[in-house]
Amino acid sequence: MAALTLAAAPVAHGSAAEAAFPVTIKVDAARPQGKLEPIWRFFGADEPNYASMKDGRKLLAELGQLGSPPVYFRAHNLLTTGDGTPALKWGSTNAYTEDARGKPIYDWRIVDRIFDTYRERGLRPYAQIGFMPQALSIKPEPYQHEWRPGLPYNKVYTGWAHPPKDYAKWGELVFQWVEHNVERYGRAEVDRWYWEVWNEPNIAYWQATPEEFHKLHDYAVDAVRRALPTARVGGPDTAGGAGGTFLGGFLEHCLRGTNYATGKRGTPIDFLSFHAKGSPKYVDGHVQMGIANQLRTIDGAMAVIASFPELKDKPIVIGESDPEGCAACQGPQLGYRNGTMYSSYTAASFARKHDLAAKHGVNLEGALTWAFEFEDQPYFAGFRALASNGLDLPVLNVFRMFGKMGGRRLAVQSSADPGLEAMMKDGVRGTPDVSALASLEPRKLSVLLWHYHDDDVPGPDAAVELSVSGLPLARGEARLQHYRIDESHSNSFAAWKRMGSPIAPDEKQYAELEAAGKLAQMEAPATVHIDGGQARLPLTLPRQAVSLIVLEW
């Protein structure tokens, strides 16, 4: 077995006083476990209008370059009334108003600009049908909220969160919108979008009953299908996974209930969606992540879906899948967002989403990261985001790593994997989670490794002995590339702190930070000798680091 030692630069989360602890990770390329679904390729935000602003356009272009298949983007407020001026947890398109006699006026200019921005950069809409236009709301005042970080969250729920005064007009709005998109982008293109109704209707985003949501959903889905009979429709994007009995009741309605719009039995449903969030806390002067909560939430929702035999093969998109619930909120428990805690959490949690789908025998197609960017805010202001002022954050580089993987998922064994059930019960509070996700494509092996712990405190490095067996190449040379996210690599936030945290970086500093935010390699590509279909790759993995090892032959 050939061996190559991979170098590691020292990072702040390691501790010189503590010796590295040994970890053995084995990847068996002869044991494929089915297709590695690109579940990572979904993103979203509350504020749709940021997409067409300068840093929004820049970030969408980078998302569009992550790889194939294409990235999808979900946004709230695509039908909300207003002039398109963004604010935290707010956006608008003015798609629907009425004249003095109550006649509908449709105006697609702002929402077209948003969708054009996606398509020009290679993304597709995960089109959320909502929220309620002011002229249709049964409670039109107050309408635009005045929430800001620190104020009670329930201030966001204003007139847009209420049912329509006329369901026929609601349905016609949706029909006109979908028909317009078909005319603008073409039937074949819009056929590839996702269409879902509303957001988290089991909590205060919907100021009415579950039954009234079923009615809202039925009218909207009927309208989508009248405009485009082959459109992909789904839902219900519940908060908290199953949302108590809400998800089960919604699925039962779609399968066997009386459709409010058509009077027939059932409502079309092509994909299933729910949300799952972690629960970080601020404990003893540091952030403590709550990965267990997110994994348990996914587990519970998948169990509900699996209980419907008719639905076990339906694609699932976890419509928001994040370390916590509010991208625009602030607080000490959210201090993980700019640095490598977020990136290591993302690597560790996404791998377990695959495991949970396998556990329940369901079809996980996507896990949507509810993070984008907040235009013209202070540098590294602490929002849950992929970039700050056009500077990529470490977490975005995890998705760049995911984009380099594909093919079939491989069996992995790690001596430092806590195990799925233990992580759902207790999180990662004792020994760290050091494990890997691996894939095999023709003439290419990829191994994503992480060193994760719930507590954002220093700890020793992991001395990883990575061994690969069962390679299709029995003997020969392979090209090795090693990508890394840590305090010294792929990390604009750490570089900014080393600069002295400038409030307004000058042009030279900005260019340096921009470069520091890109996915970096640990060293120049090297050559590895493969013997007997095996290779050994020792490496040091600091706490909160993520590495991607790529072998090509």
Protein backbone atom coordinates (compact mmCIF):
# COMPACT_ATOMS: atom_id res chain seq x y z
CA MET A 1 0.00 0.00 0.00
CA ALA A 2 1.45 3.33 -1.06
CA ALA A 3 1.56 6.18 1.46
CA LEU A 4 1.76 9.94 1.13
CA THR A 5 1.71 12.23 4.13
CA LEU A 6 -0.46 15.30 3.67
CA ALA A 7 0.76 18.43 5.39
CA ALA A 8 -1.28 20.63 7.69
CA ALA A 9 -0.72 24.22 8.72
CA PRO A 10 -1.24 25.12 12.39
CA VAL A 11 -4.60 26.72 13.16
CA ALA A 12 -6.05 28.66 16.06
CA HIS A 13 -8.47 25.93 17.13
CA GLY A 14 -5.66 23.49 17.81
CA SER A 15 -3.83 23.47 21.12
CA ALA A 16 -0.09 23.13 21.30
CA ALA A 17 -0.41 21.71 24.81
CA GLU A 18 -2.50 18.77 23.63
CA ALA A 19 -1.12 15.99 21.47
CA ALA A 20 -3.02 15.02 18.35
CA PHE A 21 -5.33 12.05 18.84
CA PRO A 22 -5.30 9.16 16.35
CA VAL A 23 -8.19 8.46 13.99
CA THR A 24 -8.46 5.67 11.46
CA ILE A 25 -10.73 6.23 8.45
CA LYS A 26 -11.21 3.46 5.87
CA VAL A 27 -12.87 3.98 2.48
CA ASP A 28 -13.83 0.93 0.44
CA ALA A 29 -14.15 1.85 -3.23
CA ALA A 30 -15.44 -1.64 -3.98
CA ARG A 31 -18.54 -1.09 -1.80
CA PRO A 32 -20.74 1.51 -3.51
CA GLN A 33 -23.92 2.42 -1.63
CA GLY A 34 -25.98 3.91 -4.43
CA LYS A 35 -25.85 7.31 -6.07
CA LEU A 36 -24.46 10.21 -4.07
CA GLU A 37 -27.38 12.57 -4.52
CA PRO A 38 -26.31 16.22 -4.87
CA ILE A 39 -28.62 17.28 -2.04
CA TRP A 40 -26.49 20.37 -1.34
CA ARG A 41 -27.57 22.30 -4.47
CA PHE A 42 -30.47 24.27 -2.92
CA PHE A 43 -30.26 27.71 -1.29
CA GLY A 44 -32.70 30.39 -0.20
CA ALA A 45 -33.41 33.67 1.58
CA ASP A 46 -36.20 35.76 3.09
CA GLU A 47 -35.21 38.79 1.04
CA PRO A 48 -35.79 38.13 -2.70
CA ASN A 49 -34.70 41.59 -3.87
CA TYR A 50 -31.10 41.10 -2.73
CA ALA A 51 -30.70 38.72 -5.69
CA SER A 52 -30.64 41.55 -8.22
CA MET A 53 -28.32 43.83 -6.20
CA LYS A 54 -24.56 44.00 -6.71
CA ASP A 55 -23.37 41.48 -4.12
CA GLY A 56 -26.42 39.31 -4.68
CA ARG A 57 -25.64 39.05 -8.38
CA LYS A 58 -22.03 38.21 -7.60
CA LEU A 59 -22.96 35.47 -5.14
CA LEU A 60 -25.58 33.95 -7.43
CA ALA A 61 -22.93 33.73 -10.16
CA GLU A 62 -20.70 31.80 -7.77
CA LEU A 63 -23.54 29.47 -6.80
CA GLY A 64 -24.22 28.89 -10.48
CA GLN A 65 -20.63 27.72 -10.89
CA LEU A 66 -20.73 25.09 -8.13
CA GLY A 67 -21.19 22.23 -10.54
CA SER A 68 -23.92 20.16 -12.10
CA PRO A 69 -26.81 19.46 -11.87
CA PRO A 70 -27.96 23.08 -11.49
CA VAL A 71 -28.51 24.97 -8.24
CA TYR A 72 -32.04 25.98 -7.17
CA PHE A 73 -32.96 29.09 -5.22
CA ARG A 74 -36.01 29.57 -2.98
CA ALA A 75 -37.14 32.99 -1.76
CA HIS A 76 -39.97 34.33 0.37
CA ASN A 77 -42.05 37.36 -0.60
CA LEU A 78 -42.26 36.75 -4.35
CA LEU A 79 -45.89 37.90 -4.37
CA THR A 80 -45.70 40.39 -1.50
CA THR A 81 -46.91 43.94 -2.18
CA GLY A 82 -44.35 46.76 -2.26
CA ASP A 83 -41.90 48.65 -4.45
CA GLY A 84 -39.07 46.11 -4.27
CA THR A 85 -37.05 47.93 -1.60
CA PRO A 86 -35.46 45.22 0.57
CA ALA A 87 -35.16 45.11 4.34
CA LEU A 88 -34.28 42.40 6.84
CA LYS A 89 -36.85 39.61 6.57
CA TRP A 90 -38.74 41.58 3.95
CA GLY A 91 -39.05 41.81 0.21
CA SER A 92 -41.69 42.64 -2.36
CA THR A 93 -42.53 42.53 -6.06
CA ASN A 94 -45.92 44.30 -6.37
CA ALA A 95 -47.07 41.45 -8.58
CA TYR A 96 -50.73 41.97 -7.70
CA THR A 97 -52.79 45.07 -7.00
CA GLU A 98 -56.39 46.01 -7.77
CA ASP A 99 -58.00 49.07 -9.31
CA ALA A 100 -60.78 51.04 -7.61
CA ARG A 101 -63.38 48.55 -8.84
CA GLY A 102 -61.45 45.55 -7.53
CA LYS A 103 -60.15 44.44 -10.92
CA PRO A 104 -56.78 42.62 -10.70
CA ILE A 105 -53.66 44.36 -12.02
CA TYR A 106 -50.69 42.07 -12.62
CA ASP A 107 -47.17 43.50 -12.75
CA TRP A 108 -44.36 40.99 -13.23
CA ARG A 109 -41.47 43.42 -13.70
CA ILE A 110 -39.78 42.98 -10.30
CA VAL A 111 -40.26 39.23 -10.03
CA ASP A 112 -39.07 38.86 -13.63
CA ARG A 113 -35.90 40.74 -12.72
CA ILE A 114 -35.33 38.32 -9.84
CA PHE A 115 -35.88 35.20 -11.94
CA ASP A 116 -33.87 36.65 -14.84
CA THR A 117 -30.98 37.13 -12.45
CA TYR A 118 -31.18 33.47 -11.44
CA ARG A 119 -31.38 32.17 -14.99
CA GLU A 120 -28.61 34.41 -16.33
CA ARG A 121 -26.30 32.82 -13.75
CA GLY A 122 -27.35 29.22 -14.29
CA LEU A 123 -29.74 28.84 -11.32
CA ARG A 124 -33.38 27.79 -11.40
CA PRO A 125 -36.26 28.90 -9.17
CA TYR A 126 -37.62 26.79 -6.36
CA ALA A 127 -40.67 28.99 -6.70
CA GLN A 128 -42.48 29.72 -3.46
CA ILE A 129 -46.04 30.90 -4.05
CA GLY A 130 -46.49 33.63 -1.46
CA PHE A 131 -47.02 35.75 0.42
CA MET A 132 -50.49 37.30 0.30
CA PRO A 133 -50.75 40.53 -1.71
CA GLN A 134 -52.17 43.39 0.30
CA ALA A 135 -55.20 43.80 -1.96
CA LEU A 136 -56.12 40.13 -1.41
CA SER A 137 -55.46 39.85 2.31
CA ILE A 138 -58.41 39.59 4.70
CA LYS A 139 -56.35 41.77 7.05
CA PRO A 140 -54.46 44.23 4.84
CA GLU A 141 -53.29 46.55 7.65
CA PRO A 142 -50.68 46.68 9.00
CA TYR A 143 -48.86 45.19 6.03
CA GLN A 144 -45.11 45.88 5.85
CA HIS A 145 -43.53 44.98 9.18
CA GLU A 146 -40.91 47.06 11.01
CA TRP A 147 -38.97 44.20 12.60
CA ARG A 148 -35.24 44.49 13.23
CA PRO A 149 -32.79 42.30 15.18
CA GLY A 150 -33.54 42.45 18.89
CA LEU A 151 -37.26 43.09 18.56
CA PRO A 152 -39.82 40.34 19.18
CA TYR A 153 -39.91 38.01 16.20
CA ASN A 154 -43.71 37.98 16.06
CA LYS A 155 -43.61 41.55 14.75
CA VAL A 156 -42.89 40.14 11.28
CA TYR A 157 -46.34 38.56 10.99
CA THR A 158 -48.53 41.24 9.44
CA GLY A 159 -51.11 41.37 6.66
CA TRP A 160 -49.11 39.25 4.23
CA ALA A 161 -49.54 36.22 6.52
CA HIS A 162 -53.35 36.07 6.24
CA PRO A 163 -55.67 34.15 3.90
CA PRO A 164 -57.12 35.69 0.74
CA LYS A 165 -60.50 37.38 0.80
CA ASP A 166 -61.26 35.68 -2.52
CA TYR A 167 -59.84 32.23 -3.30
CA ALA A 168 -60.83 32.48 -6.96
CA LYS A 169 -58.71 35.64 -7.32
CA TRP A 170 -55.87 33.90 -5.46
CA GLY A 171 -56.02 30.99 -7.89
CA GLU A 172 -56.18 33.29 -10.88
CA LEU A 173 -53.10 35.19 -9.64
CA VAL A 174 -51.14 31.96 -9.47
CA PHE A 175 -52.41 30.85 -12.90
CA GLN A 176 -51.42 34.16 -14.49
CA TRP A 177 -47.97 34.05 -12.88
CA VAL A 178 -47.18 30.53 -14.02
CA GLU A 179 -48.56 31.16 -17.50
CA HIS A 180 -46.42 34.29 -17.72
CA ASN A 181 -43.31 32.30 -16.75
CA VAL A 182 -44.08 29.68 -19.39
CA GLU A 183 -44.37 32.42 -22.02
CA ARG A 184 -41.19 34.15 -20.82
CA TYR A 185 -38.86 31.20 -20.18
CA GLY A 186 -40.43 28.39 -22.18
CA ARG A 187 -42.40 25.30 -21.18
CA ALA A 188 -39.35 23.01 -21.12
CA GLU A 189 -37.53 25.35 -18.73
CA VAL A 190 -40.40 25.96 -16.29
CA ASP A 191 -41.08 22.20 -16.25
CA ARG A 192 -37.75 21.87 -14.41
CA TRP A 193 -38.67 24.26 -11.58
CA TYR A 194 -40.14 23.38 -8.21
CA TRP A 195 -43.44 25.03 -7.19
CA GLU A 196 -44.57 25.08 -3.57
CA VAL A 197 -47.12 27.10 -1.63
CA TRP A 198 -46.25 29.38 1.30
CA ASN A 199 -43.77 28.86 4.11
CA GLU A 200 -44.10 27.09 7.47
CA PRO A 201 -47.91 27.13 7.52
CA ASN A 202 -47.97 25.29 10.84
CA ILE A 203 -46.70 28.36 12.69
CA ALA A 204 -47.49 32.08 12.57
CA TYR A 205 -46.44 32.49 8.93
CA TRP A 206 -50.02 31.31 8.27
CA GLN A 207 -52.63 33.14 10.32
CA ALA A 208 -55.35 30.55 9.84
CA THR A 209 -56.15 26.87 10.35
CA PRO A 210 -54.55 23.80 8.74
CA GLU A 211 -57.77 23.24 6.80
CA GLU A 212 -57.63 26.76 5.41
CA PHE A 213 -54.05 26.11 4.34
CA HIS A 214 -55.19 22.99 2.51
CA LYS A 215 -57.64 25.24 0.66
CA LEU A 216 -54.94 27.81 -0.14
CA HIS A 217 -52.65 25.05 -1.35
CA ASP A 218 -55.33 23.31 -3.44
CA TYR A 219 -56.30 26.49 -5.26
CA ALA A 220 -52.66 27.33 -5.97
CA VAL A 221 -51.69 23.86 -7.17
CA ASP A 222 -54.77 23.63 -9.37
CA ALA A 223 -53.80 26.96 -10.91
CA VAL A 224 -50.20 25.87 -11.49
CA ARG A 225 -51.34 22.69 -13.22
CA ARG A 226 -53.92 24.54 -15.35
CA ALA A 227 -51.15 26.79 -16.63
CA LEU A 228 -48.60 23.97 -16.96
CA PRO A 229 -50.05 20.45 -16.57
CA THR A 230 -46.59 18.90 -16.17
CA ALA A 231 -45.34 21.36 -13.50
CA ARG A 232 -43.57 19.91 -10.46
CA VAL A 233 -45.63 20.79 -7.37
CA GLY A 234 -45.15 19.92 -3.70
CA GLY A 235 -45.03 21.04 -0.09
CA PRO A 236 -45.84 21.87 2.65
CA ASP A 237 -42.48 23.26 3.93
CA THR A 238 -43.50 22.86 7.56
CA ALA A 239 -41.46 24.25 10.45
CA GLY A 240 -40.02 21.73 12.90
CA GLY A 241 -40.02 18.77 10.53
CA ALA A 242 -43.35 17.03 10.85
CA GLY A 243 -44.72 20.03 12.76
CA GLY A 244 -46.64 17.84 15.18
CA THR A 245 -49.60 16.41 13.24
CA PHE A 246 -49.47 19.03 10.48
CA LEU A 247 -47.32 17.16 7.94
CA GLY A 248 -49.25 13.93 8.35
CA GLY A 249 -52.58 15.75 8.02
CA PHE A 250 -51.40 17.57 4.91
CA LEU A 251 -50.21 14.35 3.26
CA GLU A 252 -53.46 12.61 4.12
CA HIS A 253 -55.38 15.49 2.54
CA CYS A 254 -53.28 15.37 -0.63
CA LEU A 255 -53.72 11.60 -0.96
CA ARG A 256 -57.34 11.10 0.03
CA GLY A 257 -59.02 14.40 0.90
CA THR A 258 -61.51 16.37 -1.11
CA ASN A 259 -59.75 18.99 -3.17
CA TYR A 260 -61.09 22.46 -2.30
CA ALA A 261 -60.52 23.79 -5.82
CA THR A 262 -61.72 20.88 -7.96
CA GLY A 263 -64.04 18.93 -5.68
CA LYS A 264 -62.21 15.76 -6.70
CA ARG A 265 -60.29 13.33 -4.51
CA GLY A 266 -56.72 14.31 -3.71
CA THR A 267 -54.23 17.01 -4.67
CA PRO A 268 -51.21 16.45 -6.93
CA ILE A 269 -47.94 16.17 -5.05
CA ASP A 270 -44.63 15.53 -6.81
CA PHE A 271 -42.23 16.28 -3.95
CA LEU A 272 -42.41 16.56 -0.17
CA SER A 273 -40.85 19.33 1.88
CA PHE A 274 -40.28 20.19 5.53
CA HIS A 275 -37.78 22.25 7.53
CA ALA A 276 -35.18 21.17 10.09
CA LYS A 277 -33.04 23.41 12.30
CA GLY A 278 -30.42 22.98 14.98
CA SER A 279 -30.46 24.78 18.34
CA PRO A 280 -27.23 26.56 19.34
CA LYS A 281 -26.77 28.04 22.81
CA TYR A 282 -24.26 30.33 24.46
CA VAL A 283 -22.71 28.37 27.34
CA ASP A 284 -19.77 29.27 29.59
CA GLY A 285 -18.53 31.98 27.26
CA HIS A 286 -18.76 30.07 23.98
CA VAL A 287 -21.23 28.85 21.36
CA GLN A 288 -22.46 25.30 21.74
CA MET A 289 -24.13 23.98 18.61
CA GLY A 290 -27.24 21.81 18.66
CA ILE A 291 -26.76 19.36 15.79
CA ALA A 292 -28.83 16.74 17.64
CA ASN A 293 -31.98 18.82 17.31
CA GLN A 294 -31.62 19.15 13.56
CA LEU A 295 -30.95 15.44 13.03
CA ARG A 296 -33.86 14.41 15.28
CA THR A 297 -36.17 16.74 13.39
CA ILE A 298 -35.20 15.21 10.06
CA ASP A 299 -35.54 11.73 11.52
CA GLY A 300 -39.08 12.42 12.76
CA ALA A 301 -40.30 13.95 9.49
CA MET A 302 -38.84 11.14 7.41
CA ALA A 303 -40.56 8.64 9.68
CA VAL A 304 -43.91 10.32 8.99
CA ILE A 305 -43.30 10.27 5.23
CA ALA A 306 -42.18 6.63 5.31
CA SER A 307 -45.44 5.73 7.08
CA PHE A 308 -47.29 6.48 3.83
CA PRO A 309 -46.42 3.62 1.44
CA GLU A 310 -47.60 5.70 -1.52
CA LEU A 311 -44.99 8.35 -0.75
CA LYS A 312 -41.81 6.45 0.07
CA ASP A 313 -40.39 7.00 -3.41
CA LYS A 314 -41.42 10.65 -3.70
CA PRO A 315 -38.50 13.09 -3.75
CA ILE A 316 -37.96 14.97 -0.48
CA VAL A 317 -36.49 18.46 -0.28
CA ILE A 318 -35.70 19.69 3.22
CA GLY A 319 -36.83 23.19 2.31
CA GLU A 320 -34.73 24.88 5.02
CA SER A 321 -31.92 22.92 6.68
CA ASP A 322 -29.73 24.98 8.98
CA PRO A 323 -27.95 25.21 12.35
CA GLU A 324 -30.76 27.47 13.66
CA GLY A 325 -33.90 29.23 12.57
CA CYS A 326 -33.32 32.91 11.74
CA ALA A 327 -30.69 34.09 9.26
CA ALA A 328 -31.23 37.79 10.04
CA CYS A 329 -31.30 37.44 13.84
CA GLN A 330 -28.38 38.37 16.10
CA GLY A 331 -27.18 37.14 19.47
CA PRO A 332 -24.23 35.53 21.26
CA GLN A 333 -25.50 32.02 20.49
CA LEU A 334 -25.18 32.87 16.78
CA GLY A 335 -21.50 33.80 16.91
CA TYR A 336 -20.51 30.68 14.97
CA ARG A 337 -21.55 31.97 11.56
CA ASN A 338 -18.50 33.73 10.11
CA GLY A 339 -15.93 31.07 10.79
CA THR A 340 -15.08 27.39 10.66
CA MET A 341 -17.70 26.25 13.17
CA TYR A 342 -20.35 26.80 10.48
CA SER A 343 -18.33 25.05 7.78
CA SER A 344 -17.49 22.00 9.91
CA TYR A 345 -21.10 21.74 11.12
CA THR A 346 -22.29 21.82 7.52
CA ALA A 347 -19.97 19.03 6.43
CA ALA A 348 -20.88 16.81 9.39
CA SER A 349 -24.63 17.41 9.17
CA PHE A 350 -25.01 16.94 5.43
CA ALA A 351 -23.38 13.52 5.56
CA ARG A 352 -25.88 12.45 8.24
CA LYS A 353 -28.82 13.59 6.10
CA HIS A 354 -27.80 10.91 3.61
CA ASP A 355 -27.64 8.42 6.49
CA LEU A 356 -31.12 9.35 7.72
CA ALA A 357 -32.61 8.90 4.25
CA ALA A 358 -31.03 5.45 4.06
CA LYS A 359 -32.36 4.60 7.52
CA HIS A 360 -35.95 5.33 6.48
CA GLY A 361 -35.68 4.14 2.89
CA VAL A 362 -36.89 7.48 1.52
CA ASN A 363 -35.78 9.50 -1.50
CA LEU A 364 -33.86 12.59 -0.32
CA GLU A 365 -33.38 14.89 -3.31
CA GLY A 366 -32.33 18.11 -1.60
CA ALA A 367 -31.44 19.91 1.63
CA LEU A 368 -31.82 23.65 1.19
CA THR A 369 -29.42 25.98 3.00
CA TRP A 370 -31.30 29.09 4.10
CA ALA A 371 -28.38 31.48 3.77
CA PHE A 372 -27.47 34.02 1.12
CA GLU A 373 -26.14 37.54 1.71
CA PHE A 374 -27.28 40.82 3.29
CA GLU A 375 -26.58 43.78 1.07
CA ASP A 376 -24.61 46.78 2.38
CA GLN A 377 -24.30 45.58 5.97
CA PRO A 378 -21.05 45.90 7.98
CA TYR A 379 -18.31 43.43 7.13
CA PHE A 380 -18.83 40.06 8.83
CA ALA A 381 -21.83 41.42 10.71
CA GLY A 382 -22.82 37.99 12.03
CA PHE A 383 -25.81 37.13 9.85
CA ARG A 384 -26.20 33.55 8.66
CA ALA A 385 -24.83 34.06 5.17
CA LEU A 386 -22.63 32.57 2.46
CA ALA A 387 -20.78 35.85 1.85
CA SER A 388 -20.31 39.26 3.43
CA ASN A 389 -19.96 42.34 1.21
CA GLY A 390 -18.97 40.12 -1.70
CA LEU A 391 -16.42 38.13 0.36
CA ASP A 392 -17.07 34.40 0.49
CA LEU A 393 -17.35 32.87 3.96
CA PRO A 394 -15.79 29.50 4.84
CA VAL A 395 -19.13 27.71 4.67
CA LEU A 396 -19.47 28.49 0.95
CA ASN A 397 -16.30 26.50 0.35
CA VAL A 398 -17.94 23.38 1.78
CA PHE A 399 -20.45 23.63 -1.06
CA ARG A 400 -17.58 24.08 -3.51
CA MET A 401 -16.18 20.82 -2.13
CA PHE A 402 -19.57 19.10 -2.46
CA GLY A 403 -19.69 20.30 -6.07
CA LYS A 404 -16.47 18.41 -6.83
CA MET A 405 -18.01 15.12 -5.69
CA GLY A 406 -20.35 12.83 -7.59
CA GLY A 407 -21.02 9.34 -8.81
CA ARG A 408 -21.66 6.65 -6.23
CA ARG A 409 -21.37 6.99 -2.48
CA LEU A 410 -18.86 4.67 -0.87
CA ALA A 411 -18.77 2.83 2.45
CA VAL A 412 -16.73 4.66 5.09
CA GLN A 413 -15.60 3.49 8.53
CA SER A 414 -14.13 5.90 11.09
CA SER A 415 -12.83 5.16 14.56
CA ALA A 416 -14.06 8.64 15.61
CA ASP A 417 -17.59 8.57 14.20
CA PRO A 418 -20.01 8.88 17.15
CA GLY A 419 -22.73 7.06 15.22
CA LEU A 420 -26.01 8.44 13.94
CA GLU A 421 -28.20 7.36 16.85
CA ALA A 422 -25.77 8.73 19.44
CA MET A 423 -25.57 12.06 17.60
CA MET A 424 -29.37 12.34 17.54
CA LYS A 425 -29.50 11.63 21.26
CA ASP A 426 -26.58 13.65 22.60
CA GLY A 427 -25.04 15.63 19.75
CA VAL A 428 -21.24 15.83 19.73
CA ARG A 429 -20.45 16.84 23.30
CA GLY A 430 -17.81 14.26 24.28
CA THR A 431 -15.13 13.15 21.83
CA PRO A 432 -15.12 14.96 18.47
CA ASP A 433 -16.74 13.70 15.31
CA VAL A 434 -14.00 12.97 12.77
CA SER A 435 -15.35 11.12 9.78
CA ALA A 436 -15.79 11.26 6.01
CA LEU A 437 -18.12 11.16 3.03
CA ALA A 438 -16.68 9.46 -0.07
CA SER A 439 -17.70 9.06 -3.69
CA LEU A 440 -16.44 7.25 -6.78
CA GLU A 441 -16.76 8.39 -10.37
CA PRO A 442 -15.01 6.99 -13.44
CA ARG A 443 -11.29 7.48 -12.79
CA LYS A 444 -11.93 9.71 -9.76
CA LEU A 445 -12.25 9.16 -5.99
CA SER A 446 -13.27 11.98 -3.63
CA VAL A 447 -13.15 11.91 0.17
CA LEU A 448 -14.57 14.78 2.26
CA LEU A 449 -13.27 14.73 5.85
CA TRP A 450 -14.27 16.88 8.82
CA HIS A 451 -13.32 17.45 12.46
CA TYR A 452 -16.44 18.65 14.26
CA HIS A 453 -17.48 19.28 17.86
CA ASP A 454 -20.58 21.05 19.17
CA ASP A 455 -18.50 23.30 21.44
CA ASP A 456 -16.68 26.20 19.80
CA VAL A 457 -13.55 25.90 21.93
CA PRO A 458 -9.96 24.90 21.12
CA GLY A 459 -9.02 21.24 21.03
CA PRO A 460 -6.27 18.95 19.77
CA ASP A 461 -5.75 18.03 16.14
CA ALA A 462 -6.82 14.69 14.74
CA ALA A 463 -3.99 12.57 13.33
CA VAL A 464 -5.95 10.83 10.61
CA GLU A 465 -4.80 7.63 8.95
CA LEU A 466 -6.90 7.59 5.77
CA SER A 467 -6.73 4.33 3.85
CA VAL A 468 -8.47 3.55 0.57
CA SER A 469 -9.00 0.05 -0.80
CA GLY A 470 -10.81 -1.51 -3.73
CA LEU A 471 -9.77 1.14 -6.24
CA PRO A 472 -10.50 0.30 -9.88
CA LEU A 473 -6.85 1.10 -10.59
CA ALA A 474 -4.97 -1.94 -9.35
CA ARG A 475 -1.49 -0.50 -9.88
CA GLY A 476 -0.26 2.82 -11.19
CA GLU A 477 -0.05 6.53 -10.53
CA ALA A 478 -2.87 8.81 -9.35
CA ARG A 479 -2.95 12.59 -9.15
CA LEU A 480 -3.81 13.86 -5.68
CA GLN A 481 -5.37 17.23 -4.83
CA HIS A 482 -6.01 18.30 -1.24
CA TYR A 483 -8.44 21.17 -0.59
CA ARG A 484 -8.77 22.59 2.92
CA ILE A 485 -10.96 24.91 5.00
CA ASP A 486 -9.40 26.02 8.30
CA GLU A 487 -8.03 29.16 9.94
CA SER A 488 -5.34 29.48 7.26
CA HIS A 489 -7.16 28.29 4.14
CA SER A 490 -10.40 29.23 2.37
CA ASN A 491 -11.24 31.68 5.16
CA SER A 492 -11.81 35.38 4.48
CA PHE A 493 -13.01 35.99 8.06
CA ALA A 494 -9.75 34.80 9.62
CA ALA A 495 -7.79 36.84 7.06
CA TRP A 496 -9.87 39.93 7.95
CA LYS A 497 -9.14 39.46 11.65
CA ARG A 498 -5.42 39.11 10.90
CA MET A 499 -5.65 42.48 9.10
CA GLY A 500 -6.98 44.05 12.28
CA SER A 501 -10.69 43.81 11.34
CA PRO A 502 -10.83 46.94 9.16
CA ILE A 503 -14.28 48.53 9.12
CA ALA A 504 -13.79 49.58 5.48
CA PRO A 505 -11.05 47.55 3.74
CA ASP A 506 -9.21 49.49 1.07
CA GLU A 507 -8.91 48.22 -2.49
CA LYS A 508 -5.76 46.18 -1.83
CA GLN A 509 -7.16 44.69 1.36
CA TYR A 510 -10.44 43.85 -0.35
CA ALA A 511 -8.62 41.99 -3.13
CA GLU A 512 -6.64 40.02 -0.55
CA LEU A 513 -9.82 39.13 1.34
CA GLU A 514 -11.58 38.18 -1.86
CA ALA A 515 -8.76 35.77 -2.70
CA ALA A 516 -8.71 34.40 0.86
CA GLY A 517 -12.39 33.46 0.55
CA LYS A 518 -11.84 31.10 -2.38
CA LEU A 519 -11.40 27.35 -2.00
CA ALA A 520 -7.70 26.75 -1.44
CA GLN A 521 -5.43 23.73 -1.79
CA MET A 522 -3.11 22.72 1.03
CA GLU A 523 -0.24 22.14 -1.35
CA ALA A 524 0.49 21.64 -5.03
CA PRO A 525 -1.01 18.52 -6.62
CA ALA A 526 1.06 15.40 -5.94
CA THR A 527 1.37 11.90 -7.32
CA VAL A 528 0.32 8.84 -5.34
CA HIS A 529 1.36 5.31 -6.25
CA ILE A 530 -1.50 2.81 -6.16
CA ASP A 531 -0.60 -0.77 -5.36
CA GLY A 532 -3.13 -3.58 -5.11
CA GLY A 533 -5.95 -1.04 -5.53
CA GLN A 534 -4.95 0.59 -2.24
CA ALA A 535 -3.50 3.87 -1.00
CA ARG A 536 -2.69 5.26 2.44
CA LEU A 537 -2.96 9.00 3.02
CA PRO A 538 -2.04 10.19 6.54
CA LEU A 539 -3.04 13.75 7.35
CA THR A 540 -3.47 16.11 10.27
CA LEU A 541 -6.97 17.54 10.59
CA PRO A 542 -7.27 20.45 13.04
CA ARG A 543 -10.45 21.05 15.02
CA GLN A 544 -13.19 22.54 12.80
CA ALA A 545 -11.19 21.81 9.64
CA VAL A 546 -12.70 20.28 6.53
CA SER A 547 -10.59 18.60 3.84
CA LEU A 548 -11.41 17.25 0.40
CA ILE A 549 -9.06 14.63 -1.00
CA VAL A 550 -9.39 13.98 -4.74
CA LEU A 551 -7.57 11.13 -6.51
CA GLU A 552 -7.70 10.97 -10.32
CA TRP A 553 -6.05 8.46 -12.64
